[in-house]
Amino acid sequence: MSPFEAKFEVQWGDLDSNNHLRNTGYLDYAAQTRMLYFAAHDFTPDAFAQHAIGPVVLEDNVSYRRELRLLQPFRVQLACAGLSDNGAKFMLENTFLREDGKLCAKVRSRGIWMDLRSRKTLPPPVGLKRAMEDLVQTDDFAELR
């Protein structure tokens, strides 16, 4: 099974003062890839609103390898690095690759699902939990507590 993948191109507003993809750009594309994955698995923005649930990223870790420049195409893969038994806690990994397949960066995001009414952690609805479980797992996947 292949990881979920989305294709992008570095835009003008993504650049830092060195004309590279800015560090927060990696986080933006990681988040966009996650949301595209959920939408492709029937958990659209409307579904999030109906369930009054949202992802909350508690921590991001970015490892940089190669820069990306203006108009350069790249792809972002999504895999699951960890999940709690009830699905309420997750660790997702985004891998950024150039067209030639060379690694640019990895983003690891640790998060929870939050009930937007009570502002508390909760297990995701069945369809969303299934989508999380269906993600390709990283080699170091761990059950979260």
N, C-alpha and C. Protein backbone atom coordinates (compact mmCIF):
# COMPACT_ATOMS: atom_id res chain seq x y z
N MET A 1 0.84 -1.17 0.00
CA MET A 1 0.00 0.00 0.00
C MET A 1 0.89 1.24 0.00
N SER A 2 0.53 2.21 -0.81
CA SER A 2 1.30 3.45 -0.90
C SER A 2 0.71 4.50 0.04
N PRO A 3 1.57 5.40 0.53
CA PRO A 3 1.02 6.48 1.37
C PRO A 3 0.18 7.44 0.53
N PHE A 4 -0.75 8.12 1.18
CA PHE A 4 -1.52 9.17 0.53
C PHE A 4 -0.55 10.26 0.09
N GLU A 5 -0.80 10.85 -1.07
CA GLU A 5 0.12 11.85 -1.60
C GLU A 5 -0.65 12.99 -2.26
N ALA A 6 -0.16 14.21 -2.06
CA ALA A 6 -0.72 15.39 -2.72
C ALA A 6 0.43 16.12 -3.40
N LYS A 7 0.13 16.72 -4.56
CA LYS A 7 1.15 17.44 -5.33
C LYS A 7 0.91 18.94 -5.23
N PHE A 8 2.02 19.67 -5.12
CA PHE A 8 1.98 21.12 -4.97
C PHE A 8 3.11 21.75 -5.78
N GLU A 9 3.13 23.06 -5.76
CA GLU A 9 4.19 23.86 -6.39
C GLU A 9 4.46 25.04 -5.46
N VAL A 10 5.72 25.36 -5.23
CA VAL A 10 6.07 26.46 -4.33
C VAL A 10 5.54 27.77 -4.93
N GLN A 11 4.80 28.51 -4.13
CA GLN A 11 4.21 29.78 -4.58
C GLN A 11 5.02 30.97 -4.04
N TRP A 12 4.80 32.11 -4.64
CA TRP A 12 5.51 33.34 -4.27
C TRP A 12 5.41 33.63 -2.77
N GLY A 13 4.23 33.53 -2.22
CA GLY A 13 4.00 33.83 -0.81
C GLY A 13 4.59 32.80 0.15
N ASP A 14 5.10 31.70 -0.38
CA ASP A 14 5.69 30.64 0.43
C ASP A 14 7.16 30.89 0.76
N LEU A 15 7.75 31.91 0.16
CA LEU A 15 9.21 32.08 0.23
C LEU A 15 9.67 32.84 1.48
N ASP A 16 10.87 32.46 1.94
CA ASP A 16 11.52 33.21 3.02
C ASP A 16 12.52 34.18 2.39
N SER A 17 13.30 34.87 3.20
CA SER A 17 14.24 35.87 2.68
C SER A 17 15.39 35.25 1.89
N ASN A 18 15.57 33.94 1.97
CA ASN A 18 16.60 33.24 1.19
C ASN A 18 16.03 32.63 -0.10
N ASN A 19 14.78 32.96 -0.40
CA ASN A 19 14.08 32.43 -1.58
C ASN A 19 13.89 30.92 -1.54
N HIS A 20 13.73 30.38 -0.34
CA HIS A 20 13.40 28.97 -0.12
C HIS A 20 11.99 28.91 0.45
N LEU A 21 11.39 27.73 0.37
CA LEU A 21 10.11 27.52 1.05
C LEU A 21 10.32 27.81 2.54
N ARG A 22 9.55 28.75 3.08
CA ARG A 22 9.69 29.17 4.48
C ARG A 22 9.31 28.03 5.42
N ASN A 23 9.85 28.07 6.62
CA ASN A 23 9.61 26.96 7.54
C ASN A 23 8.12 26.76 7.82
N THR A 24 7.36 27.82 7.98
CA THR A 24 5.93 27.64 8.25
C THR A 24 5.18 27.15 7.00
N GLY A 25 5.79 27.32 5.83
CA GLY A 25 5.20 26.77 4.60
C GLY A 25 5.12 25.25 4.67
N TYR A 26 6.15 24.63 5.24
CA TYR A 26 6.11 23.18 5.39
C TYR A 26 4.93 22.76 6.27
N LEU A 27 4.70 23.51 7.33
CA LEU A 27 3.58 23.18 8.22
C LEU A 27 2.25 23.38 7.50
N ASP A 28 2.15 24.45 6.69
CA ASP A 28 0.92 24.71 5.94
C ASP A 28 0.62 23.58 4.95
N TYR A 29 1.64 23.15 4.21
CA TYR A 29 1.43 22.08 3.24
C TYR A 29 1.17 20.74 3.93
N ALA A 30 1.77 20.52 5.08
CA ALA A 30 1.49 19.31 5.85
C ALA A 30 0.01 19.30 6.27
N ALA A 31 -0.48 20.42 6.78
CA ALA A 31 -1.88 20.51 7.20
C ALA A 31 -2.82 20.36 6.01
N GLN A 32 -2.49 20.98 4.89
CA GLN A 32 -3.33 20.88 3.70
C GLN A 32 -3.41 19.42 3.22
N THR A 33 -2.29 18.72 3.25
CA THR A 33 -2.27 17.32 2.84
C THR A 33 -3.16 16.48 3.76
N ARG A 34 -3.08 16.74 5.06
CA ARG A 34 -3.94 16.01 6.00
C ARG A 34 -5.41 16.24 5.67
N MET A 35 -5.78 17.49 5.44
CA MET A 35 -7.19 17.80 5.18
C MET A 35 -7.65 17.21 3.84
N LEU A 36 -6.77 17.19 2.85
CA LEU A 36 -7.10 16.55 1.57
C LEU A 36 -7.34 15.05 1.77
N TYR A 37 -6.52 14.44 2.61
CA TYR A 37 -6.70 13.01 2.91
C TYR A 37 -8.06 12.77 3.57
N PHE A 38 -8.39 13.56 4.59
CA PHE A 38 -9.66 13.36 5.28
C PHE A 38 -10.83 13.58 4.32
N ALA A 39 -10.76 14.60 3.49
CA ALA A 39 -11.83 14.86 2.52
C ALA A 39 -11.97 13.70 1.53
N ALA A 40 -10.84 13.13 1.11
CA ALA A 40 -10.87 11.99 0.19
C ALA A 40 -11.46 10.74 0.84
N HIS A 41 -11.52 10.75 2.17
CA HIS A 41 -12.10 9.63 2.92
C HIS A 41 -13.41 10.04 3.59
N ASP A 42 -14.14 10.91 2.90
CA ASP A 42 -15.50 11.31 3.27
C ASP A 42 -15.59 12.10 4.57
N PHE A 43 -14.47 12.67 5.00
CA PHE A 43 -14.54 13.54 6.16
C PHE A 43 -14.14 14.95 5.70
N THR A 44 -15.12 15.61 5.08
CA THR A 44 -14.95 16.94 4.50
C THR A 44 -15.04 18.02 5.59
N PRO A 45 -14.74 19.26 5.25
CA PRO A 45 -14.94 20.34 6.23
C PRO A 45 -16.37 20.37 6.78
N ASP A 46 -17.37 20.07 5.95
CA ASP A 46 -18.75 20.03 6.43
C ASP A 46 -18.95 18.93 7.46
N ALA A 47 -18.31 17.78 7.24
CA ALA A 47 -18.42 16.67 8.20
C ALA A 47 -17.78 17.05 9.53
N PHE A 48 -16.63 17.73 9.48
CA PHE A 48 -16.01 18.20 10.73
C PHE A 48 -16.97 19.13 11.46
N ALA A 49 -17.61 20.04 10.72
CA ALA A 49 -18.54 21.00 11.33
C ALA A 49 -19.77 20.28 11.91
N GLN A 50 -20.31 19.32 11.19
CA GLN A 50 -21.47 18.57 11.68
C GLN A 50 -21.17 17.85 12.99
N HIS A 51 -19.99 17.31 13.10
CA HIS A 51 -19.60 16.58 14.30
C HIS A 51 -19.01 17.49 15.38
N ALA A 52 -18.83 18.76 15.03
CA ALA A 52 -18.22 19.73 15.96
C ALA A 52 -16.91 19.20 16.53
N ILE A 53 -16.08 18.69 15.63
CA ILE A 53 -14.79 18.13 16.02
C ILE A 53 -13.70 18.77 15.16
N GLY A 54 -12.53 18.89 15.71
CA GLY A 54 -11.41 19.43 14.95
C GLY A 54 -10.09 18.87 15.44
N PRO A 55 -9.10 18.83 14.53
CA PRO A 55 -7.78 18.39 14.94
C PRO A 55 -7.05 19.52 15.65
N VAL A 56 -6.35 19.19 16.70
CA VAL A 56 -5.52 20.16 17.41
C VAL A 56 -4.10 19.61 17.41
N VAL A 57 -3.19 20.32 16.76
CA VAL A 57 -1.79 19.91 16.74
C VAL A 57 -1.12 20.48 17.98
N LEU A 58 -0.57 19.59 18.79
CA LEU A 58 0.09 19.98 20.03
C LEU A 58 1.58 20.24 19.84
N GLU A 59 2.14 19.58 18.84
CA GLU A 59 3.59 19.69 18.63
C GLU A 59 3.92 19.31 17.19
N ASP A 60 4.79 20.09 16.57
CA ASP A 60 5.33 19.78 15.24
C ASP A 60 6.84 19.67 15.36
N ASN A 61 7.40 18.71 14.64
CA ASN A 61 8.85 18.59 14.55
C ASN A 61 9.19 18.53 13.07
N VAL A 62 10.05 19.43 12.62
CA VAL A 62 10.42 19.49 11.20
C VAL A 62 11.91 19.16 11.06
N SER A 63 12.21 18.24 10.17
CA SER A 63 13.60 17.90 9.82
C SER A 63 13.81 18.29 8.36
N TYR A 64 14.75 19.20 8.12
CA TYR A 64 15.02 19.70 6.77
C TYR A 64 16.19 18.96 6.15
N ARG A 65 16.10 18.67 4.85
CA ARG A 65 17.19 18.00 4.12
C ARG A 65 17.62 18.80 2.89
N ARG A 66 16.65 19.26 2.10
CA ARG A 66 16.93 20.02 0.88
C ARG A 66 15.92 21.15 0.76
N GLU A 67 16.34 22.24 0.15
CA GLU A 67 15.43 23.37 0.00
C GLU A 67 14.50 23.17 -1.20
N LEU A 68 13.39 23.89 -1.15
CA LEU A 68 12.46 23.99 -2.28
C LEU A 68 12.41 25.45 -2.68
N ARG A 69 12.34 25.72 -3.98
CA ARG A 69 12.39 27.09 -4.50
C ARG A 69 11.12 27.43 -5.29
N LEU A 70 10.97 28.70 -5.60
CA LEU A 70 9.80 29.23 -6.30
C LEU A 70 9.45 28.40 -7.55
N LEU A 71 8.18 28.05 -7.65
CA LEU A 71 7.58 27.30 -8.75
C LEU A 71 8.05 25.85 -8.85
N GLN A 72 8.88 25.41 -7.92
CA GLN A 72 9.36 24.03 -7.94
C GLN A 72 8.23 23.09 -7.51
N PRO A 73 7.93 22.10 -8.34
CA PRO A 73 6.91 21.12 -7.95
C PRO A 73 7.46 20.18 -6.88
N PHE A 74 6.57 19.75 -6.01
CA PHE A 74 6.93 18.78 -4.98
C PHE A 74 5.69 18.02 -4.58
N ARG A 75 5.89 16.95 -3.86
CA ARG A 75 4.76 16.17 -3.37
C ARG A 75 4.93 15.92 -1.89
N VAL A 76 3.80 15.75 -1.23
CA VAL A 76 3.79 15.53 0.21
C VAL A 76 3.03 14.24 0.47
N GLN A 77 3.69 13.33 1.17
CA GLN A 77 3.07 12.07 1.54
C GLN A 77 2.62 12.13 2.99
N LEU A 78 1.60 11.36 3.30
CA LEU A 78 1.05 11.31 4.65
C LEU A 78 1.05 9.87 5.15
N ALA A 79 1.56 9.67 6.36
CA ALA A 79 1.56 8.35 6.99
C ALA A 79 1.25 8.54 8.48
N CYS A 80 0.85 7.45 9.11
CA CYS A 80 0.54 7.48 10.54
C CYS A 80 1.73 6.93 11.32
N ALA A 81 2.23 7.72 12.27
CA ALA A 81 3.36 7.31 13.11
C ALA A 81 2.90 6.84 14.48
N GLY A 82 1.64 7.11 14.83
CA GLY A 82 1.13 6.67 16.11
C GLY A 82 -0.35 6.98 16.24
N LEU A 83 -1.03 6.14 17.03
CA LEU A 83 -2.47 6.31 17.24
C LEU A 83 -2.83 5.66 18.56
N SER A 84 -3.69 6.33 19.32
CA SER A 84 -4.18 5.72 20.56
C SER A 84 -5.25 4.70 20.21
N ASP A 85 -5.53 3.81 21.13
CA ASP A 85 -6.50 2.75 20.91
C ASP A 85 -7.86 3.30 20.49
N ASN A 86 -8.30 4.38 21.12
CA ASN A 86 -9.61 4.94 20.79
C ASN A 86 -9.53 6.00 19.67
N GLY A 87 -8.32 6.28 19.18
CA GLY A 87 -8.15 7.21 18.07
C GLY A 87 -8.10 8.67 18.47
N ALA A 88 -8.24 8.98 19.75
CA ALA A 88 -8.29 10.38 20.20
C ALA A 88 -6.95 11.09 20.07
N LYS A 89 -5.84 10.34 20.16
CA LYS A 89 -4.50 10.91 20.03
C LYS A 89 -3.84 10.33 18.79
N PHE A 90 -3.08 11.18 18.10
CA PHE A 90 -2.43 10.72 16.87
C PHE A 90 -1.07 11.37 16.68
N MET A 91 -0.25 10.70 15.87
CA MET A 91 1.03 11.23 15.41
C MET A 91 1.06 10.98 13.91
N LEU A 92 1.12 12.06 13.13
CA LEU A 92 1.14 11.94 11.68
C LEU A 92 2.48 12.41 11.15
N GLU A 93 2.91 11.79 10.07
CA GLU A 93 4.18 12.18 9.45
C GLU A 93 3.95 12.55 8.00
N ASN A 94 4.44 13.73 7.62
CA ASN A 94 4.41 14.18 6.24
C ASN A 94 5.83 14.16 5.69
N THR A 95 6.00 13.56 4.53
CA THR A 95 7.29 13.50 3.87
C THR A 95 7.22 14.36 2.61
N PHE A 96 8.14 15.32 2.48
CA PHE A 96 8.20 16.24 1.35
C PHE A 96 9.27 15.75 0.37
N LEU A 97 8.86 15.53 -0.87
CA LEU A 97 9.76 15.00 -1.89
C LEU A 97 9.77 15.89 -3.13
N ARG A 98 10.95 16.08 -3.70
CA ARG A 98 11.05 16.78 -4.99
C ARG A 98 10.56 15.84 -6.08
N GLU A 99 10.43 16.38 -7.29
CA GLU A 99 10.00 15.56 -8.43
C GLU A 99 10.94 14.38 -8.69
N ASP A 100 12.23 14.58 -8.40
CA ASP A 100 13.21 13.51 -8.62
C ASP A 100 13.20 12.48 -7.49
N GLY A 101 12.30 12.64 -6.52
CA GLY A 101 12.17 11.69 -5.42
C GLY A 101 13.08 11.96 -4.24
N LYS A 102 13.90 12.99 -4.32
CA LYS A 102 14.82 13.30 -3.21
C LYS A 102 14.06 13.94 -2.06
N LEU A 103 14.41 13.51 -0.85
CA LEU A 103 13.77 13.99 0.37
C LEU A 103 14.14 15.45 0.63
N CYS A 104 13.12 16.27 0.88
CA CYS A 104 13.32 17.68 1.24
C CYS A 104 13.15 17.89 2.74
N ALA A 105 12.12 17.28 3.30
CA ALA A 105 11.83 17.49 4.72
C ALA A 105 10.84 16.44 5.20
N LYS A 106 10.78 16.30 6.53
CA LYS A 106 9.75 15.50 7.18
C LYS A 106 9.15 16.34 8.29
N VAL A 107 7.84 16.26 8.42
CA VAL A 107 7.12 16.95 9.48
C VAL A 107 6.38 15.89 10.28
N ARG A 108 6.64 15.85 11.59
CA ARG A 108 5.89 14.97 12.49
C ARG A 108 5.01 15.84 13.36
N SER A 109 3.74 15.53 13.37
CA SER A 109 2.76 16.32 14.12
C SER A 109 2.05 15.43 15.12
N ARG A 110 2.11 15.81 16.39
CA ARG A 110 1.40 15.10 17.46
C ARG A 110 0.16 15.89 17.78
N GLY A 111 -0.98 15.21 17.83
CA GLY A 111 -2.21 15.94 18.06
C GLY A 111 -3.31 15.11 18.70
N ILE A 112 -4.43 15.77 18.85
CA ILE A 112 -5.63 15.17 19.43
C ILE A 112 -6.84 15.61 18.60
N TRP A 113 -7.93 14.90 18.79
CA TRP A 113 -9.22 15.35 18.27
C TRP A 113 -9.95 16.06 19.40
N MET A 114 -10.47 17.24 19.11
CA MET A 114 -11.13 18.05 20.14
C MET A 114 -12.60 18.26 19.82
N ASP A 115 -13.42 18.08 20.84
CA ASP A 115 -14.82 18.45 20.77
C ASP A 115 -14.86 19.97 20.81
N LEU A 116 -15.34 20.59 19.76
CA LEU A 116 -15.31 22.05 19.66
C LEU A 116 -16.32 22.73 20.59
N ARG A 117 -17.24 21.97 21.15
CA ARG A 117 -18.20 22.55 22.11
C ARG A 117 -17.62 22.52 23.52
N SER A 118 -17.17 21.35 23.94
CA SER A 118 -16.69 21.20 25.32
C SER A 118 -15.21 21.57 25.46
N ARG A 119 -14.50 21.67 24.31
CA ARG A 119 -13.06 21.97 24.29
C ARG A 119 -12.25 20.87 24.98
N LYS A 120 -12.73 19.63 24.87
CA LYS A 120 -12.06 18.49 25.48
C LYS A 120 -11.69 17.46 24.41
N THR A 121 -10.67 16.67 24.72
CA THR A 121 -10.25 15.58 23.84
C THR A 121 -11.35 14.52 23.77
N LEU A 122 -11.58 14.00 22.57
CA LEU A 122 -12.58 12.94 22.42
C LEU A 122 -12.17 12.01 21.30
N PRO A 123 -12.64 10.77 21.33
CA PRO A 123 -12.40 9.85 20.21
C PRO A 123 -13.12 10.37 18.97
N PRO A 124 -12.54 10.16 17.80
CA PRO A 124 -13.18 10.63 16.57
C PRO A 124 -14.37 9.76 16.20
N PRO A 125 -15.27 10.28 15.37
CA PRO A 125 -16.37 9.45 14.86
C PRO A 125 -15.81 8.23 14.12
N VAL A 126 -16.62 7.22 13.98
CA VAL A 126 -16.20 5.95 13.39
C VAL A 126 -15.51 6.14 12.04
N GLY A 127 -16.09 6.91 11.15
CA GLY A 127 -15.52 7.10 9.81
C GLY A 127 -14.16 7.77 9.84
N LEU A 128 -13.99 8.71 10.73
CA LEU A 128 -12.71 9.40 10.85
C LEU A 128 -11.67 8.49 11.49
N LYS A 129 -12.07 7.71 12.48
CA LYS A 129 -11.15 6.76 13.10
C LYS A 129 -10.70 5.72 12.07
N ARG A 130 -11.61 5.27 11.25
CA ARG A 130 -11.28 4.30 10.20
C ARG A 130 -10.29 4.91 9.21
N ALA A 131 -10.49 6.16 8.86
CA ALA A 131 -9.56 6.83 7.94
C ALA A 131 -8.16 6.90 8.56
N MET A 132 -8.09 7.17 9.85
CA MET A 132 -6.79 7.21 10.53
C MET A 132 -6.15 5.82 10.53
N GLU A 133 -6.94 4.81 10.77
CA GLU A 133 -6.43 3.43 10.81
C GLU A 133 -6.01 2.94 9.43
N ASP A 134 -6.62 3.50 8.39
CA ASP A 134 -6.32 3.08 7.01
C ASP A 134 -5.04 3.71 6.46
N LEU A 135 -4.51 4.71 7.14
CA LEU A 135 -3.26 5.33 6.68
C LEU A 135 -2.12 4.31 6.72
N VAL A 136 -1.19 4.43 5.79
CA VAL A 136 0.03 3.64 5.84
C VAL A 136 0.75 4.01 7.14
N GLN A 137 1.30 3.03 7.81
CA GLN A 137 2.02 3.28 9.06
C GLN A 137 3.52 3.42 8.79
N THR A 138 4.16 4.31 9.56
CA THR A 138 5.60 4.46 9.47
C THR A 138 6.27 3.22 10.08
N ASP A 139 7.54 3.03 9.77
CA ASP A 139 8.29 1.88 10.31
C ASP A 139 8.35 1.89 11.83
N ASP A 140 8.31 3.10 12.41
CA ASP A 140 8.39 3.21 13.87
C ASP A 140 7.04 3.52 14.51
N PHE A 141 5.97 3.12 13.86
CA PHE A 141 4.61 3.34 14.39
C PHE A 141 4.53 2.85 15.84
N ALA A 142 3.85 3.64 16.68
CA ALA A 142 3.69 3.26 18.09
C ALA A 142 2.25 3.53 18.53
N GLU A 143 1.76 2.67 19.41
CA GLU A 143 0.46 2.92 20.01
C GLU A 143 0.64 4.02 21.06
N LEU A 144 -0.19 5.04 20.97
CA LEU A 144 -0.10 6.17 21.90
C LEU A 144 -1.02 5.95 23.09
N ARG A 145 -0.60 6.46 24.21
CA ARG A 145 -1.41 6.34 25.44
C ARG A 145 -1.92 7.69 25.86
